[in-house]
Protein backbone atom coordinates (compact mmCIF):
# COMPACT_ATOMS: atom_id res chain seq x y z
CA MET A 1 92.39 129.23 114.85
CA ILE A 2 92.63 125.44 115.34
CA GLU A 3 89.61 123.49 116.44
CA ILE A 4 89.43 119.94 117.82
CA THR A 5 86.51 118.09 116.53
CA ARG A 6 85.24 114.54 116.34
CA ALA A 7 85.47 113.06 112.78
CA GLU A 8 82.02 112.72 111.63
CA THR A 9 81.74 113.38 107.87
CA GLU A 10 82.97 111.60 104.76
CA GLN A 11 85.35 114.54 104.34
CA ASP A 12 86.61 114.03 107.96
CA LEU A 13 87.30 110.49 107.35
CA GLU A 14 89.16 111.11 104.11
CA GLN A 15 91.35 113.70 105.98
CA ALA A 16 91.84 111.23 108.89
CA ASN A 17 92.92 108.55 106.38
CA ARG A 18 95.25 110.84 104.74
CA LEU A 19 96.89 111.82 108.04
CA ASN A 20 97.01 108.17 109.12
CA ARG A 21 98.85 107.09 105.98
CA GLU A 22 101.31 110.02 106.32
CA TYR A 23 101.97 109.06 109.87
CA LEU A 24 102.47 105.29 109.09
CA GLY A 25 104.88 106.21 106.38
CA TRP A 26 106.86 108.35 108.75
CA CYS A 27 106.88 105.32 111.27
CA VAL A 28 108.04 103.01 108.51
CA GLU A 29 110.97 105.28 107.54
CA GLN A 30 111.96 105.95 111.14
CA SER A 31 111.89 102.25 111.98
CA ARG A 32 114.05 101.53 108.87
CA ASN A 33 116.56 104.42 109.62
CA ARG A 34 116.71 104.24 113.46
CA LEU A 35 116.10 100.57 114.32
CA GLY A 36 116.93 98.80 111.03
CA GLU A 37 113.46 97.18 111.10
CA GLU A 38 111.29 96.85 107.99
CA LEU A 39 107.68 97.42 108.52
CA ASP A 40 104.88 96.94 106.01
CA ILE A 41 102.91 100.09 105.55
CA GLU A 42 100.01 98.27 103.93
CA GLU A 43 99.87 95.75 106.85
CA LEU A 44 99.90 98.69 109.34
CA TYR A 45 97.36 100.64 107.41
CA GLY A 46 95.08 97.51 107.35
CA HIS A 47 95.11 97.34 111.23
CA SER A 48 94.40 101.05 111.38
CA GLN A 49 91.41 100.88 108.91
CA ALA A 50 90.13 97.69 110.92
CA ASP A 51 90.20 99.87 114.02
CA GLN A 52 88.23 102.84 112.36
CA ASP A 53 84.85 101.43 113.39
CA ALA A 54 86.15 101.00 117.08
CA PHE A 55 87.41 104.69 116.81
CA MET A 56 83.98 105.91 115.67
CA ALA A 57 81.85 103.84 118.08
CA ASP A 58 80.23 105.33 121.19
CA THR A 59 83.12 103.64 123.08
CA GLY A 60 85.79 105.29 121.00
CA ARG A 61 86.96 108.60 119.56
CA LEU A 62 88.59 110.02 116.36
CA LEU A 63 89.60 113.45 116.74
CA LEU A 64 91.02 115.80 114.24
CA ALA A 65 92.82 119.17 114.79
CA LYS A 66 91.74 121.50 111.96
CA GLU A 67 92.65 125.00 110.84
CA ASN A 68 90.18 126.51 108.10
CA GLY A 69 88.55 123.16 107.57
CA VAL A 70 92.01 121.44 106.91
CA ALA A 71 93.02 118.60 109.35
CA GLY A 72 96.65 118.69 110.34
CA GLY A 73 96.42 116.47 113.37
CA ILE A 74 94.84 113.38 114.40
CA ALA A 75 94.26 111.28 117.65
CA CYS A 76 92.21 108.05 118.23
CA LEU A 77 90.99 106.16 121.15
CA LYS A 78 89.32 102.72 121.40
CA LYS A 79 88.00 100.39 123.84
CA ILE A 80 90.32 97.50 124.57
CA ARG A 81 88.48 95.86 127.72
CA GLU A 82 86.09 96.67 130.36
CA GLY A 83 87.24 100.03 132.00
CA ALA A 84 90.22 100.43 129.73
CA CYS A 85 90.96 102.26 126.41
CA GLU A 86 94.00 102.70 124.27
CA ILE A 87 95.13 105.68 122.38
CA LYS A 88 96.33 105.30 118.73
CA ARG A 89 97.61 107.37 115.88
CA MET A 90 98.54 110.45 117.59
CA TYR A 91 100.02 112.59 114.82
CA VAL A 92 100.55 116.22 114.09
CA GLN A 93 101.95 117.21 110.61
CA PRO A 94 105.08 119.24 110.50
CA ALA A 95 103.32 122.41 109.32
CA PHE A 96 101.00 122.21 112.40
CA ARG A 97 103.73 121.59 114.99
CA GLY A 98 104.91 124.18 117.54
CA ARG A 99 101.33 125.12 118.62
CA LYS A 100 100.97 122.39 121.32
CA LEU A 101 98.28 120.53 119.22
CA GLY A 102 99.58 117.18 120.41
CA GLU A 103 98.95 118.27 124.03
CA GLN A 104 95.43 119.70 123.05
CA LEU A 105 94.64 116.42 121.28
CA LEU A 106 95.86 114.30 124.27
CA CYS A 107 94.02 116.44 126.86
CA ARG A 108 90.84 116.00 124.78
CA LEU A 109 91.19 112.33 124.44
CA ILE A 110 91.75 111.99 128.33
CA ASP A 111 88.78 114.14 129.09
CA GLU A 112 86.63 111.98 126.48
CA ALA A 113 87.99 108.71 128.14
CA ARG A 114 86.98 110.07 131.56
CA ALA A 115 83.54 111.08 130.40
CA MET A 116 82.97 107.56 128.90
CA GLY A 117 83.94 106.04 132.27
CA TYR A 118 87.13 104.50 131.56
CA SER A 119 89.57 104.04 134.54
CA ARG A 120 92.83 103.39 132.48
CA VAL A 121 94.31 104.74 129.30
CA LEU A 122 96.98 102.63 127.77
CA LEU A 123 99.30 103.29 124.65
CA ASP A 124 102.24 101.79 122.91
CA SER A 125 104.85 103.98 121.22
CA ASP A 126 107.99 103.70 119.04
CA PRO A 127 111.17 104.51 120.95
CA TYR A 128 112.15 107.26 118.49
CA MET A 129 109.05 109.38 119.47
CA SER A 130 110.69 111.10 122.34
CA ASN A 131 108.63 114.33 122.03
CA ALA A 132 105.50 112.29 122.21
CA HIS A 133 107.03 110.38 125.32
CA ALA A 134 107.61 113.92 127.08
CA ILE A 135 103.87 114.96 126.34
CA TYR A 136 102.60 111.71 127.77
CA ARG A 137 104.75 111.98 130.91
CA LYS A 138 103.75 115.53 131.37
CA MET A 139 100.05 114.32 131.36
CA GLY A 140 100.87 111.73 133.94
CA PHE A 141 101.52 108.59 131.95
CA VAL A 142 104.09 106.16 133.35
CA GLU A 143 105.76 103.30 131.59
CA THR A 144 104.25 99.93 132.15
CA GLU A 145 104.46 96.39 131.01
CA PRO A 146 103.17 95.48 127.46
CA TYR A 147 99.50 94.64 127.36
CA THR A 148 98.06 91.90 125.23
CA GLU A 149 95.73 94.12 123.03
CA ALA A 150 98.61 96.24 121.80
CA GLU A 151 98.84 96.35 118.03
CA MET A 152 102.39 94.87 118.13
CA ALA A 153 101.98 92.59 121.04
CA GLY A 154 103.51 89.13 120.46
CA ASN A 155 105.43 90.06 117.29
CA ASP A 156 109.21 90.51 117.20
CA TYR A 157 109.00 94.26 116.69
CA SER A 158 107.31 94.65 120.23
CA ARG A 159 110.71 94.55 121.94
CA HIS A 160 111.34 98.11 120.69
CA MET A 161 107.95 99.58 121.85
CA ILE A 162 107.47 101.66 124.96
CA TYR A 163 104.07 100.90 126.68
CA MET A 164 102.48 103.66 129.02
CA GLU A 165 99.39 103.92 131.19
CA LEU A 166 97.35 106.63 132.86
CA VAL A 167 95.16 105.72 135.73
CA LEU A 168 92.28 108.13 135.64
CA LYS A 169 90.86 109.37 139.00
């Protein structure tokens, strides 16, 4: 049985870092193969490590989907401005796919955002992540203009990104 929990222990953080690096490696490969863009995995990983404190803060979340103590999915949320948070690093390993874990992680993040008093949830996503886009749309996200706090905002790669927003009621 899969359980979704907040990352709290050193082991949780190790598993989160492993999943994050795997996800970023996949993104680098997809960007190269599908868009002809070269991304620096170490730079991306550095951004993610810098965000870890924000994910672990009272205003953020770092969730893991685990089966028998082994994490196979990750989802993060951080405050980006008053009333608004951003979803980052949604990833489910191939061996864990087909069980609606992405939806479960996203629903949990939305519930957590609502409970923390956020009124808007934003995200950016690479164009080749069509399965993720379908889940976001199913949950009520709509495409929006780029927002200044986005990781890729202002750099050349940002022209490829899809920006989405969910207004919480």
